[in-house]
């Protein structure tokens, strides 16, 4: 049985560990982008995980409290699961901006860079994972770059 179904505490711990690993990798990309070699990626990843846990608990708490105040017999997501998920978008954006403010850009002097980092959950990891290899960089520098869509040349 998958973690969390038979034991919710273990499931949540596993969820947090996976988030921590991903946020640590993203912190490495952020630190590289902001030229901050002095920051330990695991510390930034840990703070990002804690921010997400706190914001997620607060957001979920609001979603359980508000319907009960207005309709005491209403279920948690009666008719609103998509609204709940849509509401997470600004929360996640705010979480990333808080992390950038805390560690990388206190005066928010580089808003364009911040929006690039915040704008896509995959931005940092995908750009880091898809860096050109040294061999392809040499081919491009020598003028023999393969620009065909299927890796074949004429």
Foldseek 3Di string as FASTA:
>chain_A
DDPCPVDVVRVVVVVLVVQLVLQLLLQVLVCVVLVNPVDRSSVLSVVLSVLCVVLVVVLLVCLVPVCCVVPVVDDSQVPNPVVSVVVVLVVQLVSQVVSCCVPGCVPCPPVVVSCQSSVDSCNRVVCVVPDDDPVQVVCVVVVNHQPDPVSDDD
